[in-house]
Amino acid sequence: MVRLSKRVEYALLAVQAMAEQAHALLSARDIAARNHISQTLLAKVLQQLAAAGYVRSNRGVNGGYTLAQSAATISVADIVQAVEGPDMALVDCQGSADHECSAEHVCTIREPLAVLQERIVATLASMSVAELANAKHLVPLVIEQQH
């Protein structure tokens, strides 16, 4: 199963909180307490989001974090890539040109996995932070099972 890292989870929780309270400055402490997560790890993730330009940091006693852009213009894929880097590979051979695989010449799943990876990234890119903040309005994807 494809899993998002704890760092990505924390980043998504943080931008969701900022989108829900768009005109407020939220401290790392407040976001961490609200979500029962590590403030230390959250602070590191918020630094990454600030460096990527998705979050604005305001220092000082009454400082905190706010979204640097409209929540509607930031995708979940943007947040994942800001935290994990541009390499969101499902398997090692998809992520790096340097990866050497002894079965590469006979591998039958490399191309299908590349297509799957593109679809996953497209799905992450299709959801905005605004949608993440308004999750109760989302329509679930129903996949029919074939028998």
C-alpha atoms as a PDB file:
ATOM      1  CA  MET A   1       0.000   0.000   0.000  1.00  0.00           C
ATOM      2  CA  VAL A   2       1.193   3.492  -0.778  1.00  0.00           C
ATOM      3  CA  ARG A   3       1.670   5.497   2.422  1.00  0.00           C
ATOM      4  CA  LEU A   4       2.354   9.143   3.053  1.00  0.00           C
ATOM      5  CA  SER A   5       5.096   9.853   5.567  1.00  0.00           C
ATOM      6  CA  LYS A   6       4.478  11.337   9.004  1.00  0.00           C
ATOM      7  CA  ARG A   7       6.143  14.549   7.751  1.00  0.00           C
ATOM      8  CA  VAL A   8       3.605  14.815   4.918  1.00  0.00           C
ATOM      9  CA  GLU A   9       0.762  14.036   7.322  1.00  0.00           C
ATOM     10  CA  TYR A  10       1.923  16.848   9.637  1.00  0.00           C
ATOM     11  CA  ALA A  11       2.270  19.245   6.699  1.00  0.00           C
ATOM     12  CA  LEU A  12      -1.256  18.476   5.514  1.00  0.00           C
ATOM     13  CA  LEU A  13      -2.671  18.923   9.009  1.00  0.00           C
ATOM     14  CA  ALA A  14      -0.882  22.282   9.284  1.00  0.00           C
ATOM     15  CA  VAL A  15      -2.026  23.694   5.945  1.00  0.00           C
ATOM     16  CA  GLN A  16      -5.533  22.415   6.613  1.00  0.00           C
ATOM     17  CA  ALA A  17      -5.605  24.347   9.902  1.00  0.00           C
ATOM     18  CA  MET A  18      -4.250  27.460   8.187  1.00  0.00           C
ATOM     19  CA  ALA A  19      -6.852  27.205   5.426  1.00  0.00           C
ATOM     20  CA  GLU A  20      -9.645  26.816   7.980  1.00  0.00           C
ATOM     21  CA  GLN A  21      -8.444  29.917   9.842  1.00  0.00           C
ATOM     22  CA  ALA A  22      -7.236  31.938   6.877  1.00  0.00           C
ATOM     23  CA  HIS A  23      -7.000  35.288   8.663  1.00  0.00           C
ATOM     24  CA  ALA A  24      -5.278  34.045  11.815  1.00  0.00           C
ATOM     25  CA  LEU A  25      -1.648  33.418  12.624  1.00  0.00           C
ATOM     26  CA  LEU A  26      -1.284  29.902  13.995  1.00  0.00           C
ATOM     27  CA  SER A  27       1.696  28.890  16.087  1.00  0.00           C
ATOM     28  CA  ALA A  28       3.377  25.526  15.709  1.00  0.00           C
ATOM     29  CA  ARG A  29       2.408  24.890  19.321  1.00  0.00           C
ATOM     30  CA  ASP A  30      -1.281  25.522  18.604  1.00  0.00           C
ATOM     31  CA  ILE A  31      -1.323  23.348  15.488  1.00  0.00           C
ATOM     32  CA  ALA A  32       0.530  20.549  17.290  1.00  0.00           C
ATOM     33  CA  ALA A  33      -1.794  20.688  20.306  1.00  0.00           C
ATOM     34  CA  ARG A  34      -4.916  20.762  18.138  1.00  0.00           C
ATOM     35  CA  ASN A  35      -3.790  17.640  16.283  1.00  0.00           C
ATOM     36  CA  HIS A  36      -1.941  15.843  19.109  1.00  0.00           C
ATOM     37  CA  ILE A  37       1.290  15.702  17.115  1.00  0.00           C
ATOM     38  CA  SER A  38       4.961  16.434  17.780  1.00  0.00           C
ATOM     39  CA  GLN A  39       5.666  20.159  17.872  1.00  0.00           C
ATOM     40  CA  THR A  40       9.347  19.553  17.127  1.00  0.00           C
ATOM     41  CA  LEU A  41       8.696  17.634  13.905  1.00  0.00           C
ATOM     42  CA  LEU A  42       5.913  20.023  12.926  1.00  0.00           C
ATOM     43  CA  ALA A  43       8.269  23.003  13.287  1.00  0.00           C
ATOM     44  CA  LYS A  44      10.737  21.356  10.886  1.00  0.00           C
ATOM     45  CA  VAL A  45       7.961  20.641   8.390  1.00  0.00           C
ATOM     46  CA  LEU A  46       6.686  24.232   8.636  1.00  0.00           C
ATOM     47  CA  GLN A  47      10.209  25.458   7.824  1.00  0.00           C
ATOM     48  CA  GLN A  48      10.181  23.319   4.679  1.00  0.00           C
ATOM     49  CA  LEU A  49       6.772  24.676   3.673  1.00  0.00           C
ATOM     50  CA  ALA A  50       7.991  28.235   4.254  1.00  0.00           C
ATOM     51  CA  ALA A  51      11.126  27.614   2.186  1.00  0.00           C
ATOM     52  CA  ALA A  52       8.934  26.273  -0.633  1.00  0.00           C
ATOM     53  CA  GLY A  53       6.766  29.407  -0.500  1.00  0.00           C
ATOM     54  CA  TYR A  54       3.507  27.820   0.635  1.00  0.00           C
ATOM     55  CA  VAL A  55       3.598  29.120   4.211  1.00  0.00           C
ATOM     56  CA  ARG A  56       4.569  32.520   5.592  1.00  0.00           C
ATOM     57  CA  SER A  57       6.315  32.696   8.957  1.00  0.00           C
ATOM     58  CA  ASN A  58       5.856  35.704  11.234  1.00  0.00           C
ATOM     59  CA  ARG A  59       8.311  35.896  14.108  1.00  0.00           C
ATOM     60  CA  GLY A  60       7.800  37.400  17.509  1.00  0.00           C
ATOM     61  CA  VAL A  61       5.630  37.008  20.574  1.00  0.00           C
ATOM     62  CA  ASN A  62       2.415  37.121  18.551  1.00  0.00           C
ATOM     63  CA  GLY A  63       3.939  35.384  15.536  1.00  0.00           C
ATOM     64  CA  GLY A  64       2.861  32.263  13.803  1.00  0.00           C
ATOM     65  CA  TYR A  65       2.205  30.776  10.415  1.00  0.00           C
ATOM     66  CA  THR A  66      -0.274  31.502   7.664  1.00  0.00           C
ATOM     67  CA  LEU A  67      -0.656  30.350   4.076  1.00  0.00           C
ATOM     68  CA  ALA A  68       1.447  32.414   1.676  1.00  0.00           C
ATOM     69  CA  GLN A  69      -0.980  31.699  -1.179  1.00  0.00           C
ATOM     70  CA  SER A  70      -4.663  31.049  -1.557  1.00  0.00           C
ATOM     71  CA  ALA A  71      -5.627  27.580  -0.306  1.00  0.00           C
ATOM     72  CA  ALA A  72      -7.385  27.014  -3.625  1.00  0.00           C
ATOM     73  CA  THR A  73      -4.116  27.400  -5.544  1.00  0.00           C
ATOM     74  CA  ILE A  74      -2.042  24.966  -3.471  1.00  0.00           C
ATOM     75  CA  SER A  75      -2.498  21.284  -4.242  1.00  0.00           C
ATOM     76  CA  VAL A  76      -1.911  18.310  -2.002  1.00  0.00           C
ATOM     77  CA  ALA A  77       0.810  17.292  -4.491  1.00  0.00           C
ATOM     78  CA  ASP A  78       2.518  20.674  -3.916  1.00  0.00           C
ATOM     79  CA  ILE A  79       2.630  19.990  -0.178  1.00  0.00           C
ATOM     80  CA  VAL A  80       3.866  16.412  -0.625  1.00  0.00           C
ATOM     81  CA  GLN A  81       6.621  17.561  -2.983  1.00  0.00           C
ATOM     82  CA  ALA A  82       7.620  20.442  -0.680  1.00  0.00           C
ATOM     83  CA  VAL A  83       8.162  17.968   2.155  1.00  0.00           C
ATOM     84  CA  GLU A  84       9.411  14.870   0.333  1.00  0.00           C
ATOM     85  CA  GLY A  85      11.059  16.496  -2.669  1.00  0.00           C
ATOM     86  CA  PRO A  86      10.135  16.076  -6.323  1.00  0.00           C
ATOM     87  CA  ASP A  87      10.865  12.349  -6.258  1.00  0.00           C
ATOM     88  CA  MET A  88       7.593  10.664  -5.297  1.00  0.00           C
ATOM     89  CA  ALA A  89       8.506   7.249  -6.656  1.00  0.00           C
ATOM     90  CA  LEU A  90       6.486   4.134  -5.876  1.00  0.00           C
ATOM     91  CA  VAL A  91       9.519   1.910  -6.351  1.00  0.00           C
ATOM     92  CA  ASP A  92      13.257   2.580  -6.407  1.00  0.00           C
ATOM     93  CA  CYS A  93      13.631   2.175 -10.174  1.00  0.00           C
ATOM     94  CA  GLN A  94      11.059   4.933 -10.781  1.00  0.00           C
ATOM     95  CA  GLY A  95      12.772   7.442  -8.552  1.00  0.00           C
ATOM     96  CA  SER A  96      16.327   7.677  -9.729  1.00  0.00           C
ATOM     97  CA  ALA A  97      18.215   7.299 -12.967  1.00  0.00           C
ATOM     98  CA  ASP A  98      21.148   6.113 -10.837  1.00  0.00           C
ATOM     99  CA  HIS A  99      19.224   3.092  -9.536  1.00  0.00           C
ATOM    100  CA  GLU A 100      20.602  -0.167 -10.818  1.00  0.00           C
ATOM    101  CA  CYS A 101      18.292  -3.135 -11.070  1.00  0.00           C
ATOM    102  CA  SER A 102      19.522  -6.594 -11.962  1.00  0.00           C
ATOM    103  CA  ALA A 103      16.111  -7.474 -13.447  1.00  0.00           C
ATOM    104  CA  GLU A 104      15.644  -4.290 -15.495  1.00  0.00           C
ATOM    105  CA  HIS A 105      16.023  -6.042 -18.843  1.00  0.00           C
ATOM    106  CA  VAL A 106      13.276  -8.575 -18.014  1.00  0.00           C
ATOM    107  CA  CYS A 107      11.052  -6.466 -15.769  1.00  0.00           C
ATOM    108  CA  THR A 108       7.401  -6.516 -16.801  1.00  0.00           C
ATOM    109  CA  ILE A 109       6.035  -4.083 -14.230  1.00  0.00           C
ATOM    110  CA  ARG A 110       8.281  -1.040 -14.629  1.00  0.00           C
ATOM    111  CA  GLU A 111       6.133   0.714 -17.245  1.00  0.00           C
ATOM    112  CA  PRO A 112       2.760  -0.099 -15.633  1.00  0.00           C
ATOM    113  CA  LEU A 113       4.106   1.213 -12.309  1.00  0.00           C
ATOM    114  CA  ALA A 114       5.265   4.396 -14.043  1.00  0.00           C
ATOM    115  CA  VAL A 115       1.705   4.900 -15.304  1.00  0.00           C
ATOM    116  CA  LEU A 116       0.324   4.204 -11.833  1.00  0.00           C
ATOM    117  CA  GLN A 117       2.757   6.700 -10.334  1.00  0.00           C
ATOM    118  CA  GLU A 118       1.606   9.366 -12.821  1.00  0.00           C
ATOM    119  CA  ARG A 119      -2.012   8.697 -11.885  1.00  0.00           C
ATOM    120  CA  ILE A 120      -1.310   8.970  -8.162  1.00  0.00           C
ATOM    121  CA  VAL A 121       0.520  12.275  -8.627  1.00  0.00           C
ATOM    122  CA  ALA A 122      -2.340  13.547 -10.815  1.00  0.00           C
ATOM    123  CA  THR A 123      -4.848  12.592  -8.124  1.00  0.00           C
ATOM    124  CA  LEU A 124      -2.828  14.394  -5.444  1.00  0.00           C
ATOM    125  CA  ALA A 125      -2.572  17.402  -7.766  1.00  0.00           C
ATOM    126  CA  SER A 126      -6.328  17.402  -8.313  1.00  0.00           C
ATOM    127  CA  MET A 127      -7.123  18.185  -4.654  1.00  0.00           C
ATOM    128  CA  SER A 128      -6.452  21.654  -3.294  1.00  0.00           C
ATOM    129  CA  VAL A 129      -5.704  22.616   0.278  1.00  0.00           C
ATOM    130  CA  ALA A 130      -9.060  24.427   0.231  1.00  0.00           C
ATOM    131  CA  GLU A 131     -10.760  21.097  -0.481  1.00  0.00           C
ATOM    132  CA  LEU A 132      -8.725  19.481   2.270  1.00  0.00           C
ATOM    133  CA  ALA A 133     -10.040  22.125   4.661  1.00  0.00           C
ATOM    134  CA  ASN A 134     -13.610  21.547   3.484  1.00  0.00           C
ATOM    135  CA  ALA A 135     -13.413  17.752   3.489  1.00  0.00           C
ATOM    136  CA  LYS A 136     -16.995  17.319   4.663  1.00  0.00           C
ATOM    137  CA  HIS A 137     -18.116  18.581   1.238  1.00  0.00           C
ATOM    138  CA  LEU A 138     -16.110  16.041  -0.749  1.00  0.00           C
ATOM    139  CA  VAL A 139     -17.841  13.329  -2.691  1.00  0.00           C
ATOM    140  CA  PRO A 140     -16.135   9.971  -2.085  1.00  0.00           C
ATOM    141  CA  LEU A 141     -14.796   8.051  -5.036  1.00  0.00           C
ATOM    142  CA  VAL A 142     -16.733   4.828  -5.450  1.00  0.00           C
ATOM    143  CA  ILE A 143     -14.908   2.020  -7.171  1.00  0.00           C
ATOM    144  CA  GLU A 144     -17.014  -0.835  -8.360  1.00  0.00           C
ATOM    145  CA  GLN A 145     -15.561  -4.243  -7.785  1.00  0.00           C
ATOM    146  CA  GLN A 146     -15.747  -6.695 -10.623  1.00  0.00           C
ATOM    147  CA  HIS A 147     -16.666 -10.247  -9.762  1.00  0.00           C
END
